[in-house]
């Protein structure tokens, strides 16, 4: 069976159209971090975080899980581990393009606090001057430490989703970048 010239042109046209749609599609990086498989496979319990408001693609992202109480939120990770309390940190280099999502496993369904850090200077200590920080709440952080009410997320048995808009030092406090 012979293919006509018109049919060959249609095949080429459809191939070019499919290729152009593929190239025009926005790039997505998928879920990053050590716990990515828990969210991508919908295994849970886990929390999937959509990262918004990146200043740039330098460094790496750190997503930290804490107990949802004032005494333990942002406490030293070694002290939390020594006391047998919940703490988990997942980290990953930023992809060069596309949307960014991170995942963190939780030990069981319940209420937890999240902190997202854009570690732009590759140090284990938070750099007030260059790193970005965010919590699930939408309140501008300003000069104050995030509250447990801003950072709390209730995780279910599957994958719970939330978004965090990063904030960077601007003027006298932390806020989201302009236009975000």
N, C-alpha and C. Protein backbone atom coordinates (compact mmCIF):
# COMPACT_ATOMS: atom_id res chain seq x y z
N UNK A 1 0.84 -1.18 0.00
CA UNK A 1 0.00 0.00 0.00
C UNK A 1 0.89 1.24 0.00
N UNK A 2 0.60 2.12 -0.88
CA UNK A 2 1.39 3.32 -1.06
C UNK A 2 0.74 4.50 -0.33
N UNK A 3 1.59 5.36 0.26
CA UNK A 3 1.09 6.55 0.94
C UNK A 3 1.16 7.71 -0.04
N UNK A 4 0.09 8.42 -0.19
CA UNK A 4 0.04 9.53 -1.13
C UNK A 4 0.86 10.71 -0.63
N UNK A 5 1.18 11.60 -1.53
CA UNK A 5 1.93 12.81 -1.20
C UNK A 5 1.16 13.64 -0.19
N UNK A 6 -0.14 13.74 -0.32
CA UNK A 6 -0.98 14.51 0.61
C UNK A 6 -0.91 13.90 2.01
N UNK A 7 -0.98 12.57 2.09
CA UNK A 7 -0.90 11.90 3.39
C UNK A 7 0.46 12.12 4.04
N UNK A 8 1.53 12.07 3.25
CA UNK A 8 2.87 12.31 3.80
C UNK A 8 2.98 13.73 4.34
N UNK A 9 2.40 14.69 3.63
CA UNK A 9 2.43 16.08 4.09
C UNK A 9 1.64 16.24 5.38
N UNK A 10 0.51 15.55 5.48
CA UNK A 10 -0.28 15.60 6.72
C UNK A 10 0.50 15.02 7.89
N UNK A 11 1.18 13.90 7.66
CA UNK A 11 1.99 13.28 8.72
C UNK A 11 3.09 14.25 9.16
N UNK A 12 3.76 14.87 8.20
CA UNK A 12 4.81 15.85 8.55
C UNK A 12 4.23 17.04 9.30
N UNK A 13 3.10 17.53 8.83
CA UNK A 13 2.45 18.66 9.49
C UNK A 13 2.09 18.31 10.93
N UNK A 14 1.48 17.16 11.14
CA UNK A 14 1.10 16.74 12.50
C UNK A 14 2.34 16.52 13.37
N UNK A 15 3.41 16.00 12.79
CA UNK A 15 4.66 15.80 13.54
C UNK A 15 5.24 17.13 13.96
N UNK A 16 5.28 18.09 13.05
CA UNK A 16 5.78 19.43 13.38
C UNK A 16 4.91 20.11 14.43
N UNK A 17 3.60 19.95 14.32
CA UNK A 17 2.68 20.53 15.30
C UNK A 17 2.92 19.93 16.67
N UNK A 18 3.05 18.62 16.73
CA UNK A 18 3.30 17.95 18.01
C UNK A 18 4.63 18.39 18.60
N UNK A 19 5.66 18.52 17.79
CA UNK A 19 6.97 18.97 18.26
C UNK A 19 6.89 20.40 18.78
N UNK A 20 6.19 21.28 18.07
CA UNK A 20 6.10 22.68 18.52
C UNK A 20 5.33 22.79 19.82
N UNK A 21 4.31 21.98 20.00
CA UNK A 21 3.57 22.00 21.27
C UNK A 21 4.43 21.50 22.41
N UNK A 22 5.26 20.51 22.16
CA UNK A 22 6.16 19.98 23.18
C UNK A 22 7.17 21.04 23.58
N UNK A 23 7.74 21.73 22.59
CA UNK A 23 8.74 22.76 22.89
C UNK A 23 8.12 23.97 23.57
N UNK A 24 6.87 24.27 23.30
CA UNK A 24 6.22 25.44 23.87
C UNK A 24 5.67 25.17 25.27
N UNK A 25 5.56 23.92 25.67
CA UNK A 25 5.01 23.59 26.98
C UNK A 25 5.94 24.09 28.07
N UNK A 26 5.39 24.60 29.17
CA UNK A 26 6.24 25.07 30.25
C UNK A 26 7.02 23.92 30.86
N UNK A 27 8.26 24.20 31.21
CA UNK A 27 9.09 23.16 31.82
C UNK A 27 8.70 22.97 33.28
N UNK A 28 8.58 21.76 33.69
CA UNK A 28 8.33 21.47 35.09
C UNK A 28 9.45 20.59 35.59
N UNK A 29 9.90 20.88 36.79
CA UNK A 29 11.03 20.15 37.35
C UNK A 29 10.57 18.92 38.10
N UNK A 30 9.30 18.80 38.37
CA UNK A 30 8.85 17.70 39.21
C UNK A 30 9.11 18.03 40.66
N UNK A 31 8.87 17.06 41.51
CA UNK A 31 9.08 17.24 42.93
C UNK A 31 10.53 16.97 43.26
N UNK A 32 11.13 17.84 44.07
CA UNK A 32 12.54 17.68 44.44
C UNK A 32 12.66 17.33 45.91
N UNK A 33 13.83 16.87 46.30
CA UNK A 33 14.11 16.52 47.69
C UNK A 33 14.14 15.02 47.90
N UNK A 34 14.71 14.60 49.04
CA UNK A 34 14.85 13.19 49.35
C UNK A 34 13.52 12.46 49.47
N UNK A 35 12.45 13.16 49.81
CA UNK A 35 11.15 12.53 50.02
C UNK A 35 10.23 12.63 48.80
N UNK A 36 10.76 13.03 47.65
CA UNK A 36 9.94 13.27 46.46
C UNK A 36 9.07 12.08 46.08
N UNK A 37 9.58 10.88 46.22
CA UNK A 37 8.82 9.69 45.82
C UNK A 37 7.54 9.52 46.63
N UNK A 38 7.55 9.98 47.87
CA UNK A 38 6.35 9.86 48.72
C UNK A 38 5.20 10.69 48.17
N UNK A 39 5.52 11.83 47.55
CA UNK A 39 4.46 12.68 46.97
C UNK A 39 4.15 12.29 45.54
N UNK A 40 5.18 12.03 44.75
CA UNK A 40 4.95 11.67 43.35
C UNK A 40 4.19 10.36 43.23
N UNK A 41 4.44 9.44 44.14
CA UNK A 41 3.75 8.16 44.11
C UNK A 41 2.47 8.16 44.92
N UNK A 42 2.11 9.33 45.48
CA UNK A 42 0.92 9.49 46.32
C UNK A 42 0.88 8.43 47.43
N UNK A 43 2.05 8.20 48.04
CA UNK A 43 2.15 7.19 49.09
C UNK A 43 1.78 7.72 50.46
N UNK A 44 2.22 8.90 50.79
CA UNK A 44 1.89 9.52 52.06
C UNK A 44 2.14 8.63 53.26
N UNK A 45 1.89 9.11 54.46
CA UNK A 45 1.52 10.51 54.67
C UNK A 45 2.70 11.43 54.38
N UNK A 46 2.40 12.50 53.69
CA UNK A 46 3.43 13.46 53.29
C UNK A 46 2.76 14.79 53.00
N UNK A 47 3.60 15.83 52.93
CA UNK A 47 3.13 17.17 52.58
C UNK A 47 3.89 17.62 51.34
N UNK A 48 3.15 17.96 50.29
CA UNK A 48 3.73 18.48 49.05
C UNK A 48 3.61 19.99 49.07
N UNK A 49 4.71 20.68 48.84
CA UNK A 49 4.75 22.14 48.89
C UNK A 49 5.10 22.70 47.52
N UNK A 50 4.24 23.56 46.99
CA UNK A 50 4.54 24.30 45.78
C UNK A 50 5.29 25.56 46.21
N UNK A 51 6.49 25.73 45.65
CA UNK A 51 7.35 26.87 46.01
C UNK A 51 7.04 28.02 45.07
N UNK A 52 6.76 29.19 45.65
CA UNK A 52 6.44 30.39 44.87
C UNK A 52 7.38 31.52 45.27
N UNK A 53 7.59 32.47 44.34
CA UNK A 53 8.32 33.70 44.64
C UNK A 53 9.82 33.56 44.76
N UNK A 54 10.43 32.63 44.02
CA UNK A 54 11.89 32.49 44.06
C UNK A 54 12.58 33.76 43.57
N UNK A 55 13.61 34.17 44.27
CA UNK A 55 14.40 35.32 43.85
C UNK A 55 15.30 34.94 42.67
N UNK A 56 15.87 33.75 42.72
CA UNK A 56 16.73 33.25 41.66
C UNK A 56 16.87 31.74 41.83
N UNK A 57 17.72 31.13 41.06
CA UNK A 57 17.90 29.67 41.08
C UNK A 57 19.23 29.27 41.72
N UNK A 58 19.82 30.14 42.51
CA UNK A 58 21.08 29.84 43.21
C UNK A 58 20.81 28.95 44.41
N UNK A 59 21.76 28.10 44.74
CA UNK A 59 21.71 27.35 46.00
C UNK A 59 20.74 26.20 45.99
N UNK A 60 20.14 25.97 47.16
CA UNK A 60 19.23 24.84 47.32
C UNK A 60 18.06 25.20 48.22
N UNK A 61 17.04 24.35 48.18
CA UNK A 61 15.86 24.52 49.02
C UNK A 61 15.96 23.57 50.20
N UNK A 62 15.54 24.05 51.37
CA UNK A 62 15.44 23.22 52.57
C UNK A 62 14.00 23.30 53.05
N UNK A 63 13.35 22.18 53.20
CA UNK A 63 12.01 22.12 53.74
C UNK A 63 12.08 21.39 55.07
N UNK A 64 11.65 22.06 56.15
CA UNK A 64 11.77 21.50 57.49
C UNK A 64 10.40 21.29 58.12
N UNK A 65 10.27 20.15 58.80
CA UNK A 65 9.03 19.76 59.47
C UNK A 65 9.28 19.77 60.98
N UNK A 66 8.41 20.47 61.71
CA UNK A 66 8.52 20.60 63.16
C UNK A 66 7.22 20.20 63.84
N UNK A 67 7.28 19.93 65.14
CA UNK A 67 6.03 19.77 65.89
C UNK A 67 5.27 21.11 65.86
N UNK A 68 3.95 21.06 65.86
CA UNK A 68 3.14 22.28 65.77
C UNK A 68 2.85 22.85 67.15
N UNK A 69 3.91 23.30 67.83
CA UNK A 69 3.74 24.02 69.10
C UNK A 69 4.83 25.06 69.22
N UNK A 70 4.55 26.11 69.98
CA UNK A 70 5.49 27.24 70.09
C UNK A 70 6.85 26.84 70.64
N UNK A 71 6.88 25.91 71.59
CA UNK A 71 8.15 25.53 72.23
C UNK A 71 9.09 24.81 71.26
N UNK A 72 8.55 24.02 70.33
CA UNK A 72 9.39 23.22 69.45
C UNK A 72 9.58 23.80 68.05
N UNK A 73 8.72 24.70 67.63
CA UNK A 73 8.85 25.27 66.29
C UNK A 73 10.13 26.09 66.21
N UNK A 74 10.99 25.75 65.26
CA UNK A 74 12.29 26.36 64.99
C UNK A 74 13.33 26.04 66.06
N UNK A 75 13.07 25.04 66.90
CA UNK A 75 14.06 24.60 67.89
C UNK A 75 15.20 23.88 67.18
N UNK A 76 16.32 23.76 67.85
CA UNK A 76 17.49 23.08 67.31
C UNK A 76 17.14 21.64 66.95
N UNK A 77 17.50 21.22 65.74
CA UNK A 77 17.16 19.88 65.29
C UNK A 77 17.79 18.79 66.14
N UNK A 78 18.99 19.01 66.66
CA UNK A 78 19.64 18.01 67.51
C UNK A 78 18.89 17.83 68.83
N UNK A 79 18.40 18.94 69.39
CA UNK A 79 17.63 18.87 70.64
C UNK A 79 16.30 18.16 70.42
N UNK A 80 15.63 18.44 69.30
CA UNK A 80 14.37 17.76 68.99
C UNK A 80 14.58 16.26 68.83
N UNK A 81 15.64 15.88 68.12
CA UNK A 81 15.93 14.46 67.93
C UNK A 81 16.27 13.78 69.24
N UNK A 82 17.06 14.45 70.09
CA UNK A 82 17.44 13.87 71.39
C UNK A 82 16.22 13.66 72.29
N UNK A 83 15.21 14.53 72.15
CA UNK A 83 13.99 14.41 72.95
C UNK A 83 12.96 13.48 72.29
N UNK A 84 13.30 12.91 71.14
CA UNK A 84 12.37 12.01 70.45
C UNK A 84 11.20 12.73 69.80
N UNK A 85 11.38 14.01 69.49
CA UNK A 85 10.31 14.80 68.88
C UNK A 85 10.45 14.80 67.36
N UNK A 86 9.37 15.14 66.71
CA UNK A 86 9.34 15.16 65.25
C UNK A 86 10.26 16.26 64.73
N UNK A 87 11.11 15.89 63.79
CA UNK A 87 11.87 16.85 63.01
C UNK A 87 12.32 16.13 61.75
N UNK A 88 12.15 16.79 60.63
CA UNK A 88 12.63 16.23 59.36
C UNK A 88 13.03 17.38 58.46
N UNK A 89 14.16 17.22 57.81
CA UNK A 89 14.63 18.21 56.84
C UNK A 89 14.89 17.49 55.53
N UNK A 90 14.34 18.02 54.48
CA UNK A 90 14.65 17.53 53.15
C UNK A 90 15.23 18.69 52.37
N UNK A 91 16.25 18.40 51.60
CA UNK A 91 16.92 19.47 50.87
C UNK A 91 17.26 19.00 49.46
N UNK A 92 17.37 19.98 48.56
CA UNK A 92 17.68 19.66 47.17
C UNK A 92 18.16 20.90 46.44
N UNK A 93 19.06 20.71 45.47
CA UNK A 93 19.45 21.84 44.62
C UNK A 93 18.26 22.29 43.79
N UNK A 94 18.23 23.56 43.49
CA UNK A 94 17.14 24.09 42.67
C UNK A 94 17.33 23.70 41.21
N UNK A 95 16.25 23.30 40.55
CA UNK A 95 16.34 23.06 39.11
C UNK A 95 16.55 24.39 38.40
N UNK A 96 17.16 24.35 37.24
CA UNK A 96 17.47 25.59 36.52
C UNK A 96 16.24 26.26 35.92
N UNK A 97 15.19 25.48 35.64
CA UNK A 97 13.97 26.05 35.08
C UNK A 97 12.76 25.30 35.63
N UNK A 98 11.60 25.85 35.37
CA UNK A 98 10.35 25.16 35.68
C UNK A 98 9.84 25.42 37.08
N UNK A 99 8.65 24.90 37.30
CA UNK A 99 8.02 25.01 38.61
C UNK A 99 8.79 24.18 39.62
N UNK A 100 8.72 24.59 40.89
CA UNK A 100 9.43 23.87 41.94
C UNK A 100 8.43 23.41 42.98
N UNK A 101 8.51 22.13 43.31
CA UNK A 101 7.70 21.55 44.39
C UNK A 101 8.61 20.68 45.23
N UNK A 102 8.37 20.69 46.54
CA UNK A 102 9.13 19.84 47.46
C UNK A 102 8.17 18.97 48.24
N UNK A 103 8.70 17.88 48.76
CA UNK A 103 7.89 16.95 49.53
C UNK A 103 8.62 16.60 50.82
N UNK A 104 7.85 16.46 51.89
CA UNK A 104 8.42 15.99 53.15
C UNK A 104 7.48 14.93 53.72
N UNK A 105 8.06 13.81 54.14
CA UNK A 105 7.27 12.75 54.78
C UNK A 105 6.91 13.19 56.19
N UNK A 106 5.74 12.76 56.64
CA UNK A 106 5.34 12.99 58.04
C UNK A 106 5.17 11.61 58.68
N UNK A 107 5.43 11.51 59.99
CA UNK A 107 5.36 10.19 60.63
C UNK A 107 3.95 9.59 60.67
N UNK A 108 2.95 10.44 60.76
CA UNK A 108 1.55 10.00 60.81
C UNK A 108 0.67 11.22 60.55
N UNK A 109 -0.57 11.01 60.18
CA UNK A 109 -1.46 12.17 60.01
C UNK A 109 -1.51 13.01 61.29
N UNK A 110 -1.60 14.31 61.12
CA UNK A 110 -1.65 15.21 62.27
C UNK A 110 -1.28 16.61 61.89
N UNK A 111 -1.07 17.44 62.89
CA UNK A 111 -0.75 18.86 62.69
C UNK A 111 0.75 19.06 62.87
N UNK A 112 1.36 19.74 61.91
CA UNK A 112 2.80 19.99 61.91
C UNK A 112 3.05 21.44 61.51
N UNK A 113 4.30 21.89 61.72
CA UNK A 113 4.71 23.22 61.29
C UNK A 113 5.78 23.06 60.21
N UNK A 114 5.70 23.91 59.18
CA UNK A 114 6.65 23.87 58.07
C UNK A 114 7.43 25.17 57.98
N UNK A 115 8.68 25.05 57.60
CA UNK A 115 9.51 26.20 57.28
C UNK A 115 10.27 25.87 56.00
N UNK A 116 10.21 26.75 55.02
CA UNK A 116 10.93 26.59 53.76
C UNK A 116 12.03 27.63 53.71
N UNK A 117 13.22 27.19 53.37
CA UNK A 117 14.36 28.10 53.30
C UNK A 117 15.02 27.99 51.93
N UNK A 118 15.25 29.13 51.30
CA UNK A 118 16.04 29.19 50.07
C UNK A 118 17.46 29.52 50.50
N UNK A 119 18.29 28.49 50.60
CA UNK A 119 19.68 28.62 51.05
C UNK A 119 20.52 29.04 49.85
N UNK A 120 20.65 30.34 49.67
CA UNK A 120 21.31 30.90 48.49
C UNK A 120 22.82 30.95 48.61
N UNK A 121 23.38 30.89 49.83
CA UNK A 121 24.83 31.04 50.01
C UNK A 121 25.52 29.74 50.43
N UNK A 122 24.79 28.63 50.40
CA UNK A 122 25.36 27.32 50.67
C UNK A 122 26.06 27.24 52.03
N UNK A 123 25.34 27.66 53.07
CA UNK A 123 25.84 27.55 54.44
C UNK A 123 24.80 26.82 55.27
N UNK A 124 25.23 26.15 56.32
CA UNK A 124 24.28 25.47 57.19
C UNK A 124 23.55 26.42 58.12
N UNK A 125 24.05 27.64 58.23
CA UNK A 125 23.41 28.65 59.08
C UNK A 125 22.62 29.62 58.21
N UNK A 126 21.44 30.02 58.67
CA UNK A 126 20.60 30.97 57.93
C UNK A 126 21.33 32.29 57.75
N UNK A 127 21.38 32.78 56.51
CA UNK A 127 21.96 34.08 56.21
C UNK A 127 20.84 35.10 56.09
N UNK A 128 20.71 35.93 57.09
CA UNK A 128 19.68 36.96 57.15
C UNK A 128 19.72 37.85 55.91
N UNK A 129 20.91 38.11 55.40
CA UNK A 129 21.10 39.07 54.32
C UNK A 129 20.78 38.52 52.94
N UNK A 130 20.87 37.20 52.75
CA UNK A 130 20.65 36.71 51.38
C UNK A 130 19.65 35.57 51.25
N UNK A 131 19.44 34.78 52.28
CA UNK A 131 18.53 33.64 52.17
C UNK A 131 17.07 34.09 52.18
N UNK A 132 16.23 33.28 51.57
CA UNK A 132 14.79 33.50 51.60
C UNK A 132 14.17 32.51 52.57
N UNK A 133 12.99 32.86 53.07
CA UNK A 133 12.30 32.01 54.03
C UNK A 133 10.80 32.13 53.79
N UNK A 134 10.08 31.07 54.13
CA UNK A 134 8.63 31.12 53.97
C UNK A 134 7.93 30.07 54.80
N UNK A 135 6.67 30.33 55.08
CA UNK A 135 5.78 29.42 55.78
C UNK A 135 4.46 29.38 55.01
N UNK A 136 3.62 28.38 55.27
CA UNK A 136 2.37 28.29 54.50
C UNK A 136 1.44 29.50 54.61
N UNK A 137 1.42 30.19 55.73
CA UNK A 137 0.55 31.35 55.87
C UNK A 137 0.95 32.45 54.91
N UNK A 138 0.03 33.36 54.61
CA UNK A 138 0.30 34.41 53.63
C UNK A 138 0.74 35.73 54.26
N UNK A 139 0.88 35.76 55.56
CA UNK A 139 1.24 36.99 56.25
C UNK A 139 2.69 37.38 55.97
N UNK A 140 2.91 38.66 55.76
CA UNK A 140 4.27 39.19 55.61
C UNK A 140 5.00 38.99 56.92
N UNK A 141 6.21 38.44 56.85
CA UNK A 141 6.96 38.14 58.07
C UNK A 141 7.56 39.39 58.71
N UNK A 142 7.96 40.36 57.90
CA UNK A 142 8.56 41.57 58.46
C UNK A 142 9.83 41.25 59.21
N UNK A 143 9.93 41.74 60.45
CA UNK A 143 11.12 41.49 61.27
C UNK A 143 10.88 40.43 62.34
N UNK A 144 9.73 39.81 62.31
CA UNK A 144 9.42 38.86 63.37
C UNK A 144 9.55 37.40 62.91
N UNK A 145 9.82 36.55 63.87
CA UNK A 145 9.88 35.12 63.62
C UNK A 145 8.47 34.64 63.27
N UNK A 146 8.35 33.69 62.32
CA UNK A 146 7.01 33.19 61.98
C UNK A 146 6.34 32.56 63.20
N UNK A 147 5.03 32.70 63.29
CA UNK A 147 4.29 32.11 64.40
C UNK A 147 3.84 30.70 64.02
N UNK A 148 3.48 29.94 65.02
CA UNK A 148 3.01 28.59 64.79
C UNK A 148 1.71 28.61 63.98
N UNK A 149 0.87 29.62 64.18
CA UNK A 149 -0.37 29.72 63.42
C UNK A 149 -0.10 29.94 61.93
N UNK A 150 0.96 30.66 61.59
CA UNK A 150 1.32 30.89 60.20
C UNK A 150 1.90 29.62 59.57
N UNK A 151 2.62 28.84 60.35
CA UNK A 151 3.38 27.71 59.82
C UNK A 151 2.65 26.37 59.88
N UNK A 152 1.54 26.29 60.59
CA UNK A 152 0.87 25.00 60.81
C UNK A 152 0.13 24.48 59.58
N UNK A 153 0.23 23.17 59.40
CA UNK A 153 -0.45 22.45 58.32
C UNK A 153 -0.99 21.16 58.92
N UNK A 154 -2.23 20.82 58.58
CA UNK A 154 -2.80 19.54 59.01
C UNK A 154 -2.61 18.53 57.89
N UNK A 155 -1.85 17.49 58.17
CA UNK A 155 -1.56 16.46 57.18
C UNK A 155 -2.50 15.28 57.35
N UNK A 156 -3.01 14.79 56.22
CA UNK A 156 -3.88 13.63 56.23
C UNK A 156 -3.09 12.35 56.00
N UNK A 157 -3.79 11.27 55.73
CA UNK A 157 -3.16 9.97 55.53
C UNK A 157 -2.46 9.87 54.17
N UNK A 158 -2.90 10.66 53.19
CA UNK A 158 -2.28 10.64 51.86
C UNK A 158 -1.29 11.77 51.73
N UNK A 159 -1.33 12.44 50.59
CA UNK A 159 -0.45 13.59 50.35
C UNK A 159 -1.26 14.86 50.50
N UNK A 160 -0.88 15.69 51.44
CA UNK A 160 -1.51 16.99 51.68
C UNK A 160 -0.73 18.03 50.89
N UNK A 161 -1.42 18.92 50.19
CA UNK A 161 -0.74 19.94 49.40
C UNK A 161 -0.92 21.32 50.00
N UNK A 162 0.11 22.12 49.87
CA UNK A 162 0.08 23.52 50.31
C UNK A 162 1.07 24.28 49.44
N UNK A 163 1.04 25.60 49.54
CA UNK A 163 2.03 26.41 48.82
C UNK A 163 2.69 27.35 49.82
N UNK A 164 3.92 27.69 49.50
CA UNK A 164 4.68 28.63 50.34
C UNK A 164 5.31 29.66 49.42
N UNK A 165 5.03 30.94 49.72
CA UNK A 165 5.64 32.05 48.99
C UNK A 165 6.86 32.52 49.78
N UNK A 166 8.01 32.43 49.14
CA UNK A 166 9.25 32.84 49.80
C UNK A 166 9.29 34.34 50.02
N UNK A 167 9.96 34.73 51.09
CA UNK A 167 10.15 36.13 51.41
C UNK A 167 11.65 36.37 51.63
N UNK A 168 12.10 37.53 51.18
CA UNK A 168 13.51 37.90 51.29
C UNK A 168 13.61 39.25 51.99
N UNK A 169 14.80 39.51 52.54
CA UNK A 169 15.01 40.78 53.21
C UNK A 169 14.87 41.91 52.21
N UNK A 170 13.95 42.82 52.53
CA UNK A 170 13.69 44.00 51.70
C UNK A 170 13.48 45.16 52.65
N UNK A 171 14.39 46.10 52.64
CA UNK A 171 14.26 47.23 53.57
C UNK A 171 14.49 46.76 54.99
N UNK A 172 13.48 46.94 55.86
CA UNK A 172 13.63 46.62 57.27
C UNK A 172 13.03 45.28 57.68
N UNK A 173 12.62 44.46 56.70
CA UNK A 173 12.03 43.18 57.07
C UNK A 173 11.89 42.26 55.87
N UNK A 174 11.35 41.10 56.13
CA UNK A 174 11.15 40.10 55.09
C UNK A 174 9.77 40.27 54.45
N UNK A 175 9.75 40.19 53.12
CA UNK A 175 8.49 40.25 52.38
C UNK A 175 8.70 39.59 51.03
N UNK A 176 7.58 39.30 50.36
CA UNK A 176 7.65 38.71 49.02
C UNK A 176 8.20 39.74 48.05
N UNK A 177 8.78 39.27 46.97
CA UNK A 177 9.32 40.18 45.96
C UNK A 177 8.20 40.95 45.27
N UNK A 178 8.52 42.09 44.72
CA UNK A 178 7.54 42.92 44.00
C UNK A 178 6.97 42.15 42.83
N UNK A 179 5.69 42.38 42.55
CA UNK A 179 5.06 41.75 41.43
C UNK A 179 4.62 40.33 41.68
N UNK A 180 4.84 39.85 42.86
CA UNK A 180 4.48 38.46 43.20
C UNK A 180 3.13 38.42 43.86
